[in-house]
Amino acid sequence: MNRTYINEVQKEIGNTVKVQGFIENLRNSKYMAFIVLKDITGKLQITVEKEDHPDLVDTIDQLTPDSVITVTGKVVENDYVKMGGIEMIPEAIKVESIADALPIARKAIAATKKKKAVERSSIDQRIDYRWVDLRTDENQLMFKAQSCMVNAMRKFLLDQNFIEIHTPKLIAAASESGSEVFKVDYFDRNAYLHRAPSSTSRWQWLQALSAFSRPALCSAPRRAIPISTPRSSPASIWSSATSPLTRMSWPWRSSCSRLACRL
């Protein structure tokens, strides 16, 4: 059976499907277990009545938050479930990976009658375990917004007969620029990260223009200029032939940077 992403489960009510993802939340009581499963597209509640599924009890008892599981079961409607009014009644649960106790608190948790409040870990701690911190909806939203914006740029350029090129990201010598260089060790010699396209790298673009007429580059910029603005561009566009040599870019990172500061 092929995997079904959670955002497509709504179309499969009454059918048996297979989903995979991280365990975001787990409530395991004597008679019932509730698992909130998360993949990159959304969340789904897995409801287990232990009397009806005694074969799943041992598997559920070993689960921990952020463990990776594969669940096969029937999708049913339930108006009491907040996540889209649907849930899954599992037939089988396969453990792909059991997670150890999380090294950071990704979100602040309010106190309850039985548990004390949990403070969110500091930014330094969350950066040390960035791959764990990135599993939150808020952090993933930045990258989803970035993907959407770059995809829109790329689609527009292709519709306008541009050709996307991919220039070398490691170069043998530092190019001319007013910004700092990014030197890296490359086997037995030094190499440098290629920075965001600018007038200092115009010769590279002139070479591309001679072959393609309308080249475009969509990639992450790398600059080290001591300025206070977060504006920079992931897209550089050069055009010639019937029109004068022009370069265009979008200062999109300012909006994404403001979003990052709020998280």
Protein backbone atom coordinates (compact mmCIF):
# COMPACT_ATOMS: atom_id res chain seq x y z
CA MET A 1 0.00 0.00 0.00
CA ASN A 2 1.35 3.41 -0.97
CA ARG A 3 1.75 6.18 1.59
CA THR A 4 -0.99 8.81 1.85
CA TYR A 5 -0.03 12.31 3.01
CA ILE A 6 -2.17 13.69 5.80
CA ASN A 7 -3.55 16.58 3.75
CA GLU A 8 -5.06 13.98 1.39
CA VAL A 9 -6.66 11.84 4.12
CA GLN A 10 -9.86 13.94 4.02
CA LYS A 11 -10.61 12.42 0.61
CA GLU A 12 -10.28 8.86 1.95
CA ILE A 13 -13.10 8.77 4.53
CA GLY A 14 -14.29 5.19 4.89
CA ASN A 15 -11.16 3.78 3.24
CA THR A 16 -8.07 2.13 4.67
CA VAL A 17 -4.87 4.12 4.13
CA LYS A 18 -1.25 4.18 5.29
CA VAL A 19 0.24 7.31 6.88
CA GLN A 20 3.70 8.05 8.24
CA GLY A 21 5.15 10.77 10.41
CA PHE A 22 6.39 12.04 13.76
CA ILE A 23 4.42 11.69 16.97
CA GLU A 24 3.66 15.25 18.03
CA ASN A 25 1.50 14.38 21.03
CA LEU A 26 0.69 11.14 22.85
CA ARG A 27 -1.93 10.45 25.51
CA ASN A 28 -1.80 6.88 26.75
CA SER A 29 -4.38 5.91 29.39
CA LYS A 30 -5.60 2.55 30.68
CA TYR A 31 -8.36 2.04 28.14
CA MET A 32 -7.64 4.55 25.36
CA ALA A 33 -4.67 6.01 23.51
CA PHE A 34 -4.63 9.14 21.38
CA ILE A 35 -1.73 9.84 19.02
CA VAL A 36 -1.34 13.08 17.06
CA LEU A 37 0.68 12.16 13.99
CA LYS A 38 2.39 14.94 12.01
CA ASP A 39 3.94 14.99 8.57
CA ILE A 40 5.02 17.92 6.41
CA THR A 41 1.44 18.45 5.17
CA GLY A 42 -0.59 18.35 8.40
CA LYS A 43 -1.73 16.45 11.49
CA LEU A 44 -4.00 13.47 12.09
CA GLN A 45 -5.44 11.97 15.27
CA ILE A 46 -4.99 8.22 15.72
CA THR A 47 -7.54 6.82 18.20
CA VAL A 48 -6.97 3.43 19.77
CA GLU A 49 -9.48 1.58 21.97
CA LYS A 50 -7.26 -0.94 23.71
CA GLU A 51 -10.01 -3.50 24.29
CA ASP A 52 -10.62 -3.66 20.55
CA HIS A 53 -6.91 -3.72 19.67
CA PRO A 54 -5.00 -5.64 22.38
CA ASP A 55 -2.26 -6.45 19.86
CA LEU A 56 -1.32 -2.76 19.66
CA VAL A 57 -0.94 -2.15 23.40
CA ASP A 58 2.72 -3.20 23.68
CA THR A 59 3.65 -1.10 20.66
CA ILE A 60 1.87 1.99 22.02
CA ASP A 61 3.52 1.63 25.44
CA GLN A 62 6.98 2.05 23.94
CA LEU A 63 6.16 5.17 21.91
CA THR A 64 7.64 8.56 22.80
CA PRO A 65 7.19 12.10 21.42
CA ASP A 66 8.96 12.59 18.06
CA SER A 67 9.14 8.85 17.41
CA VAL A 68 8.53 7.93 13.77
CA ILE A 69 5.75 5.45 13.03
CA THR A 70 3.79 4.02 10.11
CA VAL A 71 0.07 3.54 10.74
CA THR A 72 -2.39 1.62 8.60
CA GLY A 73 -6.05 2.05 9.40
CA LYS A 74 -9.51 3.23 8.47
CA VAL A 75 -10.32 6.93 8.18
CA VAL A 76 -13.61 7.89 9.86
CA GLU A 77 -15.49 11.10 10.60
CA ASN A 78 -15.75 12.37 14.17
CA ASP A 79 -17.22 15.80 14.88
CA TYR A 80 -15.47 15.91 18.27
CA VAL A 81 -12.00 15.81 16.71
CA LYS A 82 -10.64 19.32 16.19
CA MET A 83 -8.23 18.37 13.40
CA GLY A 84 -10.62 18.51 10.47
CA GLY A 85 -13.31 16.37 12.07
CA ILE A 86 -11.62 13.11 11.07
CA GLU A 87 -9.56 10.46 12.81
CA MET A 88 -7.97 7.12 12.04
CA ILE A 89 -8.82 3.80 13.68
CA PRO A 90 -5.57 1.83 13.30
CA GLU A 91 -5.24 -1.75 12.21
CA ALA A 92 -1.46 -1.84 12.47
CA ILE A 93 1.26 0.39 13.91
CA LYS A 94 4.86 -0.08 12.81
CA VAL A 95 7.62 1.64 14.76
CA GLU A 96 10.23 3.10 12.43
CA SER A 97 12.30 4.88 15.08
CA ILE A 98 11.97 5.45 18.84
CA ALA A 99 13.07 8.92 19.94
CA ASP A 100 14.98 9.58 23.13
CA ALA A 101 13.82 12.28 25.53
CA LEU A 102 13.88 15.62 23.70
CA PRO A 103 16.93 17.74 24.61
CA ILE A 104 15.00 21.02 24.32
CA ALA A 105 11.56 22.45 25.02
CA ARG A 106 10.40 23.81 21.68
CA LYS A 107 7.39 25.60 23.13
CA ALA A 108 6.36 26.94 26.52
CA ILE A 109 3.82 24.70 28.28
CA ALA A 110 1.39 26.19 30.77
CA ALA A 111 1.04 24.65 34.21
CA THR A 112 -1.79 22.23 35.00
CA LYS A 113 -3.10 20.70 38.22
CA LYS A 114 -0.77 17.74 37.78
CA LYS A 115 2.23 19.25 36.01
CA LYS A 116 4.43 22.29 36.45
CA ALA A 117 4.90 24.88 33.72
CA VAL A 118 7.70 24.29 31.23
CA GLU A 119 9.66 27.24 29.88
CA ARG A 120 10.75 27.37 26.27
CA SER A 121 14.45 26.63 25.77
CA SER A 122 16.75 29.53 24.98
CA ILE A 123 17.61 30.40 21.39
CA ASP A 124 21.17 29.11 21.91
CA GLN A 125 19.90 25.72 23.04
CA ARG A 126 17.42 25.51 20.17
CA ILE A 127 20.13 26.39 17.64
CA ASP A 128 22.31 23.57 19.03
CA TYR A 129 19.45 21.15 18.28
CA ARG A 130 18.12 22.94 15.23
CA TRP A 131 16.95 19.76 13.47
CA VAL A 132 14.60 19.13 16.41
CA ASP A 133 13.45 22.75 16.67
CA LEU A 134 12.61 22.89 12.95
CA ARG A 135 9.78 20.37 13.39
CA THR A 136 7.46 23.03 14.79
CA ASP A 137 4.75 24.55 12.59
CA GLU A 138 6.08 28.07 13.18
CA ASN A 139 9.60 27.28 11.97
CA GLN A 140 8.43 25.24 9.02
CA LEU A 141 6.19 28.13 7.95
CA MET A 142 9.27 30.22 7.10
CA PHE A 143 10.54 27.57 4.70
CA LYS A 144 7.11 26.95 3.19
CA ALA A 145 6.78 30.69 2.51
CA GLN A 146 10.26 30.73 0.99
CA SER A 147 9.45 27.72 -1.22
CA CYS A 148 6.24 29.33 -2.41
CA MET A 149 7.90 32.65 -3.27
CA VAL A 150 10.90 31.14 -5.08
CA ASN A 151 8.60 28.76 -6.98
CA ALA A 152 6.49 31.74 -8.12
CA MET A 153 9.64 33.57 -9.27
CA ARG A 154 10.87 30.50 -11.14
CA LYS A 155 7.51 29.93 -12.83
CA PHE A 156 7.32 33.58 -13.93
CA LEU A 157 10.82 33.46 -15.39
CA LEU A 158 10.23 30.23 -17.29
CA ASP A 159 7.01 31.67 -18.70
CA GLN A 160 9.07 34.64 -19.94
CA ASN A 161 11.53 32.33 -21.77
CA PHE A 162 14.35 32.66 -19.26
CA ILE A 163 16.75 29.74 -18.75
CA GLU A 164 17.72 28.86 -15.20
CA ILE A 165 21.43 28.29 -14.68
CA HIS A 166 23.36 26.95 -11.69
CA THR A 167 26.74 28.58 -11.21
CA PRO A 168 29.57 27.06 -9.13
CA LYS A 169 29.17 27.63 -5.41
CA LEU A 170 32.84 26.95 -4.56
CA ILE A 171 35.43 29.01 -6.43
CA ALA A 172 39.23 28.88 -6.39
CA ALA A 173 39.81 32.58 -5.70
CA ALA A 174 37.89 35.32 -3.94
CA SER A 175 36.07 37.54 -6.41
CA GLU A 176 36.21 41.34 -6.17
CA SER A 177 33.78 42.75 -3.66
CA GLY A 178 33.38 45.15 -0.79
CA SER A 179 32.06 42.34 1.41
CA GLU A 180 33.94 39.82 3.48
CA VAL A 181 34.86 36.51 1.86
CA PHE A 182 33.82 33.08 3.11
CA LYS A 183 36.95 30.92 3.06
CA VAL A 184 36.65 27.14 3.47
CA ASP A 185 39.18 24.30 3.54
CA TYR A 186 38.92 22.21 0.39
CA PHE A 187 41.21 19.18 0.67
CA ASP A 188 44.76 20.61 0.55
CA ARG A 189 43.86 24.13 -0.62
CA ASN A 190 41.61 27.08 0.14
CA ALA A 191 38.31 27.68 -1.61
CA TYR A 192 35.70 30.41 -1.32
CA LEU A 193 31.93 30.44 -1.30
CA HIS A 194 30.51 32.24 -4.30
CA ARG A 195 28.57 35.28 -3.08
CA ALA A 196 25.31 36.78 -4.27
CA PRO A 197 25.56 37.92 -7.90
CA SER A 198 26.43 41.61 -8.19
CA SER A 199 28.39 43.91 -10.41
CA THR A 200 31.58 42.22 -9.21
CA SER A 201 30.53 38.96 -10.84
CA ARG A 202 29.26 40.58 -14.01
CA TRP A 203 31.81 38.79 -16.22
CA GLN A 204 30.29 35.45 -15.25
CA TRP A 205 26.87 36.70 -16.27
CA LEU A 206 28.16 38.18 -19.54
CA GLN A 207 29.46 34.74 -20.46
CA ALA A 208 26.03 33.24 -19.74
CA LEU A 209 24.33 36.01 -21.72
CA SER A 210 26.38 35.19 -24.80
CA ALA A 211 24.92 31.68 -24.81
CA PHE A 212 21.43 31.96 -23.34
CA SER A 213 20.32 35.59 -23.89
CA ARG A 214 18.04 35.44 -20.82
CA PRO A 215 19.70 33.53 -17.95
CA ALA A 216 18.29 33.47 -14.43
CA LEU A 217 19.64 32.17 -11.13
CA CYS A 218 17.54 31.25 -8.09
CA SER A 219 19.69 30.40 -5.07
CA ALA A 220 20.47 31.46 -1.52
CA PRO A 221 22.58 34.66 -1.39
CA ARG A 222 25.82 34.80 0.58
CA ARG A 223 27.04 38.25 1.54
CA ALA A 224 28.87 39.64 4.54
CA ILE A 225 28.42 43.39 4.43
CA PRO A 226 28.05 45.24 7.77
CA ILE A 227 24.66 46.82 7.09
CA SER A 228 21.53 46.89 9.23
CA THR A 229 18.96 45.92 6.60
CA PRO A 230 18.01 42.23 6.08
CA ARG A 231 17.19 42.86 2.40
CA SER A 232 18.79 40.53 -0.14
CA SER A 233 17.64 38.54 -3.11
CA PRO A 234 17.54 34.82 -3.97
CA ALA A 235 17.02 35.58 -7.66
CA SER A 236 19.19 37.36 -10.17
CA ILE A 237 17.91 37.89 -13.70
CA TRP A 238 19.91 39.15 -16.64
CA SER A 239 18.51 39.97 -20.05
CA SER A 240 20.04 41.15 -23.31
CA ALA A 241 19.52 40.47 -27.03
CA THR A 242 16.73 42.83 -28.17
CA SER A 243 16.77 44.88 -24.95
CA PRO A 244 19.60 46.64 -23.11
CA LEU A 245 21.52 44.66 -20.51
CA THR A 246 19.41 44.64 -17.37
CA ARG A 247 19.45 42.97 -13.98
CA MET A 248 16.48 42.46 -11.70
CA SER A 249 16.08 41.09 -8.19
CA TRP A 250 13.50 40.85 -5.41
CA PRO A 251 14.28 41.97 -1.82
CA TRP A 252 12.18 39.14 -0.39
CA ARG A 253 14.28 38.17 2.62
CA SER A 254 13.23 41.23 4.61
CA SER A 255 9.75 39.78 5.11
CA CYS A 256 11.06 36.31 5.98
CA SER A 257 13.59 37.81 8.40
CA ARG A 258 10.84 39.75 10.20
CA LEU A 259 8.86 36.52 10.47
CA ALA A 260 11.90 34.71 11.90
CA CYS A 261 12.39 37.39 14.56
CA ARG A 262 8.84 36.91 15.79
CA LEU A 263 9.20 33.13 16.31
